[in-house]
N, C-alpha and C. Protein backbone atom coordinates (compact mmCIF):
# COMPACT_ATOMS: atom_id res chain seq x y z
N UNK A 1 175.75 85.21 42.55
CA UNK A 1 174.62 84.68 41.86
C UNK A 1 173.91 83.58 42.66
N UNK A 2 174.68 82.73 43.34
CA UNK A 2 174.08 81.74 44.15
C UNK A 2 173.29 82.21 45.23
N UNK A 3 173.73 83.32 45.89
CA UNK A 3 173.03 83.97 47.04
C UNK A 3 171.67 84.49 46.53
N UNK A 4 171.69 85.06 45.41
CA UNK A 4 170.40 85.58 44.77
C UNK A 4 169.43 84.45 44.54
N UNK A 5 169.97 83.35 44.02
CA UNK A 5 169.11 82.14 43.79
C UNK A 5 168.63 81.52 45.11
N UNK A 6 169.45 81.46 46.11
CA UNK A 6 169.01 80.99 47.42
C UNK A 6 167.91 81.83 47.99
N UNK A 7 168.08 83.16 47.92
CA UNK A 7 167.07 84.04 48.40
C UNK A 7 165.77 83.96 47.66
N UNK A 8 165.84 83.80 46.31
CA UNK A 8 164.63 83.66 45.52
C UNK A 8 163.88 82.31 45.83
N UNK A 9 164.61 81.23 45.92
CA UNK A 9 164.00 79.89 46.20
C UNK A 9 163.48 79.88 47.62
N UNK A 10 164.29 80.52 48.57
CA UNK A 10 163.74 80.64 49.98
C UNK A 10 162.41 81.40 50.10
N UNK A 11 162.30 82.50 49.34
CA UNK A 11 161.11 83.32 49.31
C UNK A 11 159.95 82.51 48.79
N UNK A 12 160.16 81.69 47.69
CA UNK A 12 159.11 80.94 47.13
C UNK A 12 158.64 79.84 48.18
N UNK A 13 159.60 79.21 48.80
CA UNK A 13 159.27 78.21 49.76
C UNK A 13 158.46 78.77 50.98
N UNK A 14 158.88 79.92 51.46
CA UNK A 14 158.19 80.63 52.54
C UNK A 14 156.77 80.96 52.18
N UNK A 15 156.61 81.42 50.94
CA UNK A 15 155.26 81.76 50.42
C UNK A 15 154.37 80.54 50.32
N UNK A 16 154.91 79.46 49.81
CA UNK A 16 154.10 78.17 49.68
C UNK A 16 153.76 77.71 51.05
N UNK A 17 154.71 77.68 51.94
CA UNK A 17 154.40 77.30 53.35
C UNK A 17 153.31 78.15 54.01
N UNK A 18 153.39 79.44 53.81
CA UNK A 18 152.37 80.30 54.40
C UNK A 18 151.01 80.01 53.81
N UNK A 19 150.88 79.83 52.51
CA UNK A 19 149.63 79.54 51.89
C UNK A 19 149.07 78.16 52.36
N UNK A 20 149.96 77.20 52.45
CA UNK A 20 149.51 75.85 53.00
C UNK A 20 149.05 75.92 54.43
N UNK A 21 149.81 76.73 55.28
CA UNK A 21 149.39 76.81 56.64
C UNK A 21 148.08 77.55 56.81
N UNK A 22 147.89 78.57 55.99
CA UNK A 22 146.55 79.32 56.03
C UNK A 22 145.47 78.36 55.64
N UNK A 23 145.60 77.62 54.59
CA UNK A 23 144.66 76.71 54.15
C UNK A 23 144.30 75.65 55.20
N UNK A 24 145.31 75.08 55.88
CA UNK A 24 145.02 74.05 56.90
C UNK A 24 144.43 74.62 58.16
N UNK A 25 144.76 75.94 58.45
CA UNK A 25 144.07 76.60 59.55
C UNK A 25 142.61 76.77 59.29
N UNK A 26 142.30 77.19 58.00
CA UNK A 26 140.90 77.42 57.62
C UNK A 26 140.18 76.03 57.60
N UNK A 27 140.82 74.99 57.11
CA UNK A 27 140.26 73.67 57.08
C UNK A 27 140.00 73.18 58.58
N UNK A 28 140.89 73.41 59.47
CA UNK A 28 140.77 73.07 60.82
C UNK A 28 139.59 73.79 61.43
N UNK A 29 139.41 75.07 61.14
CA UNK A 29 138.26 75.82 61.68
C UNK A 29 136.99 75.35 61.17
N UNK A 30 136.86 75.03 59.85
CA UNK A 30 135.65 74.50 59.29
C UNK A 30 135.31 73.12 59.81
N UNK A 31 136.26 72.29 59.96
CA UNK A 31 136.05 70.95 60.46
C UNK A 31 135.98 70.81 62.02
N UNK A 32 136.23 71.89 62.66
CA UNK A 32 136.13 71.93 64.14
C UNK A 32 136.99 70.84 64.86
N UNK A 33 138.23 71.10 64.86
CA UNK A 33 139.23 70.31 65.53
C UNK A 33 139.27 68.86 64.96
N UNK A 34 139.34 68.74 63.70
CA UNK A 34 139.55 67.49 63.09
C UNK A 34 138.37 66.56 62.96
N UNK A 35 137.19 66.88 63.56
CA UNK A 35 136.04 66.00 63.50
C UNK A 35 135.27 66.32 62.25
N UNK A 36 134.17 65.55 62.00
CA UNK A 36 133.30 65.87 60.89
C UNK A 36 132.42 67.04 61.26
N UNK A 37 132.37 68.00 60.42
CA UNK A 37 131.59 69.24 60.77
C UNK A 37 130.08 68.88 60.76
N UNK A 38 129.44 69.47 61.71
CA UNK A 38 127.98 69.36 61.81
C UNK A 38 127.33 70.69 61.43
N UNK A 39 126.64 70.71 60.40
CA UNK A 39 125.92 71.89 59.98
C UNK A 39 124.48 71.78 60.27
N UNK A 40 123.81 72.89 60.26
CA UNK A 40 122.36 72.85 60.56
C UNK A 40 121.57 73.50 59.48
N UNK A 41 120.39 72.95 59.27
CA UNK A 41 119.42 73.54 58.36
C UNK A 41 118.35 74.15 59.27
N UNK A 42 118.02 75.43 58.91
CA UNK A 42 117.07 76.13 59.67
C UNK A 42 115.98 76.70 58.73
N UNK A 43 114.72 76.43 59.03
CA UNK A 43 113.58 77.00 58.28
C UNK A 43 112.48 77.14 59.33
N UNK A 44 111.31 77.50 58.76
CA UNK A 44 110.15 77.51 59.60
C UNK A 44 108.98 77.04 58.84
N UNK A 45 107.91 76.77 59.62
CA UNK A 45 106.59 76.32 58.98
C UNK A 45 105.51 77.10 59.68
N UNK A 46 104.48 77.19 58.92
CA UNK A 46 103.31 77.89 59.42
C UNK A 46 102.06 77.10 59.14
N UNK A 47 101.12 76.92 60.07
CA UNK A 47 99.86 76.25 59.83
C UNK A 47 98.71 77.25 60.10
N UNK A 48 97.67 77.27 59.33
CA UNK A 48 96.58 78.17 59.50
C UNK A 48 95.27 77.55 59.01
N UNK A 49 94.23 78.11 59.52
CA UNK A 49 92.90 77.67 59.12
C UNK A 49 92.52 78.45 57.80
N UNK A 50 92.51 77.72 56.72
CA UNK A 50 92.27 78.32 55.34
C UNK A 50 90.78 78.47 55.19
N UNK A 51 90.08 79.41 55.78
CA UNK A 51 88.66 79.60 55.74
C UNK A 51 88.06 79.41 54.40
N UNK A 52 88.63 80.02 53.41
CA UNK A 52 88.03 79.97 52.03
C UNK A 52 88.58 78.79 51.19
N UNK A 53 89.51 78.01 51.72
CA UNK A 53 89.99 76.84 51.01
C UNK A 53 90.82 77.07 49.84
N UNK A 54 91.43 78.28 49.64
CA UNK A 54 92.14 78.56 48.48
C UNK A 54 93.59 78.18 48.49
N UNK A 55 94.12 77.76 49.68
CA UNK A 55 95.52 77.36 49.76
C UNK A 55 96.41 78.54 49.98
N UNK A 56 95.90 79.75 50.11
CA UNK A 56 96.72 80.94 50.32
C UNK A 56 96.39 81.57 51.71
N UNK A 57 97.38 82.15 52.35
CA UNK A 57 97.14 82.77 53.67
C UNK A 57 96.57 84.16 53.38
N UNK A 58 95.42 84.34 53.90
CA UNK A 58 94.75 85.68 53.75
C UNK A 58 94.77 86.35 55.21
N UNK A 59 94.69 87.67 55.25
CA UNK A 59 94.83 88.42 56.53
C UNK A 59 93.79 87.99 57.55
N UNK A 60 92.58 87.69 57.25
CA UNK A 60 91.55 87.34 58.22
C UNK A 60 91.55 85.83 58.60
N UNK A 61 92.50 85.03 58.13
CA UNK A 61 92.56 83.65 58.48
C UNK A 61 93.41 83.41 59.68
N UNK A 62 92.80 82.72 60.68
CA UNK A 62 93.63 82.54 61.95
C UNK A 62 94.66 81.47 61.88
N UNK A 63 95.66 81.54 62.77
CA UNK A 63 96.68 80.45 62.80
C UNK A 63 96.06 79.20 63.43
N UNK A 64 96.74 78.13 63.23
CA UNK A 64 96.36 76.84 63.86
C UNK A 64 97.44 76.35 64.69
N UNK A 65 97.19 76.20 65.98
CA UNK A 65 98.22 75.80 66.92
C UNK A 65 98.21 74.28 67.09
N UNK A 66 99.27 73.75 67.72
CA UNK A 66 99.37 72.35 68.06
C UNK A 66 99.44 71.35 66.84
N UNK A 67 99.91 71.83 65.75
CA UNK A 67 100.06 70.93 64.54
C UNK A 67 101.43 70.44 64.60
N UNK A 68 101.61 69.11 64.47
CA UNK A 68 102.97 68.52 64.53
C UNK A 68 103.52 68.42 63.13
N UNK A 69 104.73 68.97 62.97
CA UNK A 69 105.47 68.99 61.78
C UNK A 69 106.61 67.95 61.82
N UNK A 70 106.80 67.21 60.73
CA UNK A 70 107.86 66.18 60.71
C UNK A 70 108.81 66.50 59.50
N UNK A 71 110.06 66.01 59.67
CA UNK A 71 111.01 66.21 58.61
C UNK A 71 111.76 64.87 58.42
N UNK A 72 111.67 64.36 57.17
CA UNK A 72 112.40 63.20 56.85
C UNK A 72 113.53 63.54 55.89
N UNK A 73 114.66 62.80 56.02
CA UNK A 73 115.85 62.93 55.13
C UNK A 73 115.63 61.80 54.08
N UNK A 74 114.97 62.09 52.99
CA UNK A 74 114.66 61.02 52.03
C UNK A 74 115.85 60.67 51.24
N UNK A 75 116.86 61.49 51.11
CA UNK A 75 118.03 61.09 50.37
C UNK A 75 118.79 59.97 51.10
N UNK A 76 118.74 59.98 52.49
CA UNK A 76 119.44 58.97 53.25
C UNK A 76 118.44 57.93 53.94
N UNK A 77 117.17 58.07 53.54
CA UNK A 77 116.11 57.22 54.06
C UNK A 77 115.97 57.20 55.51
N UNK A 78 116.02 58.44 56.15
CA UNK A 78 115.95 58.68 57.57
C UNK A 78 114.60 59.31 57.89
N UNK A 79 113.86 58.82 58.84
CA UNK A 79 112.66 59.34 59.19
C UNK A 79 112.68 60.26 60.48
N UNK A 80 112.00 61.39 60.53
CA UNK A 80 111.92 62.30 61.65
C UNK A 80 113.36 62.67 62.11
N UNK A 81 114.06 63.29 61.25
CA UNK A 81 115.44 63.73 61.57
C UNK A 81 115.53 64.96 62.46
N UNK A 82 114.39 65.74 62.56
CA UNK A 82 114.38 66.82 63.48
C UNK A 82 113.58 66.53 64.70
N UNK A 83 113.74 67.28 65.78
CA UNK A 83 112.88 67.09 66.91
C UNK A 83 111.41 67.36 66.52
N UNK A 84 110.51 66.65 67.21
CA UNK A 84 109.06 66.98 66.89
C UNK A 84 108.86 68.44 67.02
N UNK A 85 108.33 69.09 65.91
CA UNK A 85 108.08 70.50 65.93
C UNK A 85 106.62 70.72 66.00
N UNK A 86 106.11 71.54 66.94
CA UNK A 86 104.71 71.71 67.14
C UNK A 86 104.34 73.27 67.02
N UNK A 87 103.40 73.62 66.22
CA UNK A 87 103.19 75.03 66.02
C UNK A 87 102.63 75.68 67.31
N UNK A 88 103.01 76.97 67.48
CA UNK A 88 102.57 77.68 68.69
C UNK A 88 101.23 78.40 68.38
N UNK A 89 100.91 79.28 69.29
CA UNK A 89 99.57 79.93 69.23
C UNK A 89 99.46 80.83 68.03
N UNK A 90 100.64 81.17 67.38
CA UNK A 90 100.60 81.88 66.10
C UNK A 90 100.70 81.03 64.89
N UNK A 91 100.67 79.66 65.12
CA UNK A 91 100.65 78.77 64.02
C UNK A 91 102.05 78.60 63.43
N UNK A 92 103.06 79.07 64.10
CA UNK A 92 104.46 79.06 63.57
C UNK A 92 105.31 78.09 64.40
N UNK A 93 106.35 77.64 63.74
CA UNK A 93 107.36 76.75 64.39
C UNK A 93 108.66 76.84 63.67
N UNK A 94 109.77 76.80 64.39
CA UNK A 94 111.10 76.80 63.79
C UNK A 94 111.46 75.39 63.56
N UNK A 95 112.08 75.11 62.41
CA UNK A 95 112.60 73.76 62.05
C UNK A 95 114.12 73.79 62.02
N UNK A 96 114.67 72.83 62.76
CA UNK A 96 116.18 72.76 62.84
C UNK A 96 116.62 71.34 62.72
N UNK A 97 117.47 71.13 61.76
CA UNK A 97 118.01 69.72 61.54
C UNK A 97 119.53 69.74 61.44
N UNK A 98 120.20 68.90 62.17
CA UNK A 98 121.63 68.79 62.14
C UNK A 98 121.96 67.96 60.91
N UNK A 99 123.00 68.43 60.14
CA UNK A 99 123.41 67.71 58.93
C UNK A 99 124.83 67.24 59.09
N UNK A 100 125.08 65.99 59.42
CA UNK A 100 126.40 65.53 59.67
C UNK A 100 127.23 65.69 58.30
N UNK A 101 128.42 66.17 58.44
CA UNK A 101 129.27 66.27 57.26
C UNK A 101 128.90 67.39 56.34
N UNK A 102 127.89 68.17 56.69
CA UNK A 102 127.45 69.28 55.72
C UNK A 102 127.16 68.86 54.38
N UNK A 103 126.59 67.64 54.17
CA UNK A 103 126.38 67.12 52.86
C UNK A 103 125.04 67.66 52.30
N UNK A 104 124.99 67.65 50.98
CA UNK A 104 123.75 68.00 50.41
C UNK A 104 122.70 66.94 50.70
N UNK A 105 121.43 67.32 50.86
CA UNK A 105 120.41 66.37 51.26
C UNK A 105 119.01 66.71 50.67
N UNK A 106 118.09 65.84 50.76
CA UNK A 106 116.75 66.12 50.30
C UNK A 106 115.86 65.87 51.47
N UNK A 107 115.16 66.86 51.99
CA UNK A 107 114.24 66.78 53.10
C UNK A 107 112.79 66.71 52.60
N UNK A 108 111.90 66.11 53.34
CA UNK A 108 110.53 66.16 53.08
C UNK A 108 109.86 66.64 54.35
N UNK A 109 109.14 67.76 54.31
CA UNK A 109 108.52 68.40 55.39
C UNK A 109 107.02 68.04 55.27
N UNK A 110 106.41 67.49 56.39
CA UNK A 110 104.99 67.20 56.28
C UNK A 110 104.38 67.28 57.73
N UNK A 111 103.07 67.27 57.76
CA UNK A 111 102.30 67.41 58.98
C UNK A 111 101.47 66.26 59.32
N UNK A 112 101.12 66.18 60.64
CA UNK A 112 100.07 65.27 61.11
C UNK A 112 98.80 66.07 60.99
N UNK A 113 97.81 65.59 60.18
CA UNK A 113 96.55 66.38 60.02
C UNK A 113 95.78 66.34 61.26
N UNK A 114 95.43 67.50 61.88
CA UNK A 114 94.66 67.51 63.07
C UNK A 114 93.26 66.91 62.94
N UNK A 115 92.73 66.28 63.92
CA UNK A 115 91.42 65.69 63.89
C UNK A 115 90.42 66.78 63.58
N UNK A 116 89.52 66.49 62.66
CA UNK A 116 88.43 67.46 62.33
C UNK A 116 88.81 68.44 61.16
N UNK A 117 89.99 68.24 60.64
CA UNK A 117 90.44 69.08 59.52
C UNK A 117 90.86 68.27 58.35
N UNK A 118 90.91 68.88 57.18
CA UNK A 118 91.55 68.38 56.03
C UNK A 118 92.43 69.49 55.41
N UNK A 119 93.38 69.10 54.59
CA UNK A 119 94.39 69.97 54.07
C UNK A 119 93.89 70.74 52.79
N UNK A 120 94.33 71.92 52.66
CA UNK A 120 94.06 72.74 51.45
C UNK A 120 95.29 73.03 50.71
N UNK A 121 96.49 72.64 51.26
CA UNK A 121 97.73 72.76 50.54
C UNK A 121 98.41 71.37 50.34
N UNK A 122 99.52 71.31 49.70
CA UNK A 122 100.21 70.05 49.57
C UNK A 122 100.54 69.39 50.89
N UNK A 123 100.32 68.10 51.07
CA UNK A 123 100.59 67.53 52.39
C UNK A 123 102.05 67.34 52.67
N UNK A 124 102.83 67.19 51.58
CA UNK A 124 104.35 67.10 51.78
C UNK A 124 105.01 67.94 50.84
N UNK A 125 106.13 68.53 51.37
CA UNK A 125 106.94 69.54 50.61
C UNK A 125 108.34 69.03 50.58
N UNK A 126 108.88 68.80 49.38
CA UNK A 126 110.26 68.27 49.14
C UNK A 126 111.19 69.51 49.15
N UNK A 127 112.25 69.36 49.99
CA UNK A 127 113.23 70.54 50.06
C UNK A 127 114.59 69.93 49.60
N UNK A 128 115.09 70.45 48.52
CA UNK A 128 116.43 70.03 48.13
C UNK A 128 117.42 71.04 48.65
N UNK A 129 118.37 70.60 49.40
CA UNK A 129 119.29 71.49 50.03
C UNK A 129 120.72 71.35 49.55
N UNK A 130 121.24 72.32 48.82
CA UNK A 130 122.63 72.36 48.52
C UNK A 130 123.30 73.17 49.69
N UNK A 131 123.79 72.43 50.73
CA UNK A 131 124.17 73.14 51.91
C UNK A 131 125.07 74.42 51.72
N UNK A 132 126.13 74.11 50.90
CA UNK A 132 127.08 75.28 50.74
C UNK A 132 126.55 76.37 49.90
N UNK A 133 125.65 76.05 48.91
CA UNK A 133 125.14 77.08 48.04
C UNK A 133 123.99 77.82 48.65
N UNK A 134 123.38 77.28 49.70
CA UNK A 134 122.17 77.93 50.35
C UNK A 134 122.38 78.40 51.76
N UNK A 135 123.59 78.62 52.14
CA UNK A 135 123.81 79.07 53.49
C UNK A 135 123.19 80.43 53.68
N UNK A 136 122.54 80.61 54.86
CA UNK A 136 121.90 81.92 55.23
C UNK A 136 120.56 82.07 54.61
N UNK A 137 120.08 81.14 53.87
CA UNK A 137 118.67 81.28 53.38
C UNK A 137 117.78 80.47 54.20
N UNK A 138 116.64 81.05 54.54
CA UNK A 138 115.62 80.29 55.31
C UNK A 138 114.30 80.48 54.65
N UNK A 139 113.60 79.41 54.53
CA UNK A 139 112.28 79.45 53.93
C UNK A 139 111.22 79.11 54.92
N UNK A 140 109.99 79.56 54.61
CA UNK A 140 108.79 79.19 55.49
C UNK A 140 107.97 78.35 54.61
N UNK A 141 107.48 77.19 55.20
CA UNK A 141 106.64 76.22 54.50
C UNK A 141 105.28 76.30 55.08
N UNK A 142 104.22 76.40 54.27
CA UNK A 142 102.84 76.68 54.69
C UNK A 142 102.02 75.53 54.55
N UNK A 143 101.18 75.24 55.57
CA UNK A 143 100.21 74.16 55.60
C UNK A 143 98.83 74.72 55.99
N UNK A 144 97.90 74.64 55.04
CA UNK A 144 96.57 75.21 55.27
C UNK A 144 95.58 74.04 55.58
N UNK A 145 94.66 74.38 56.45
CA UNK A 145 93.62 73.34 56.89
C UNK A 145 92.24 74.07 56.84
N UNK A 146 91.26 73.26 56.58
CA UNK A 146 89.88 73.62 56.58
C UNK A 146 89.11 72.56 57.34
N UNK A 147 88.11 73.03 58.09
CA UNK A 147 87.30 72.22 58.95
C UNK A 147 86.53 71.18 58.10
N UNK A 148 86.40 69.98 58.58
CA UNK A 148 85.59 68.95 57.90
C UNK A 148 84.16 69.25 57.93
N UNK A 149 83.68 70.10 58.84
CA UNK A 149 82.29 70.27 59.07
C UNK A 149 81.68 71.37 58.15
């Protein structure tokens, strides 16, 4: 009877050890060798000339290049947390921000209004990020402009 009990308790201990080891290997992978994990937020923005001023992108409305996009981390009161992002000839730009510790955060995406234009869309867009709940999702933020003339 004692041999059966030893076998049973030994099996339980081995199972618990295996589960704990698997958990710590997974934790080690996520935290990348014991440091604080750095996650990234990826999205994109698009600027265009909103010819009719309706705030919606229409097929015949051209992109607007050289528009500077900024990202603030308002939850942590940090300004310009991403590299300066400037729209290309298609009016598009990729937005990338490193998130130390993979924490939830609140970003504010906004633009420098180009000279000679005024906005037809909201000037600032608040982005609430639940990092773990929104992995793999990427949004595009639109900024429309119309000529002052």
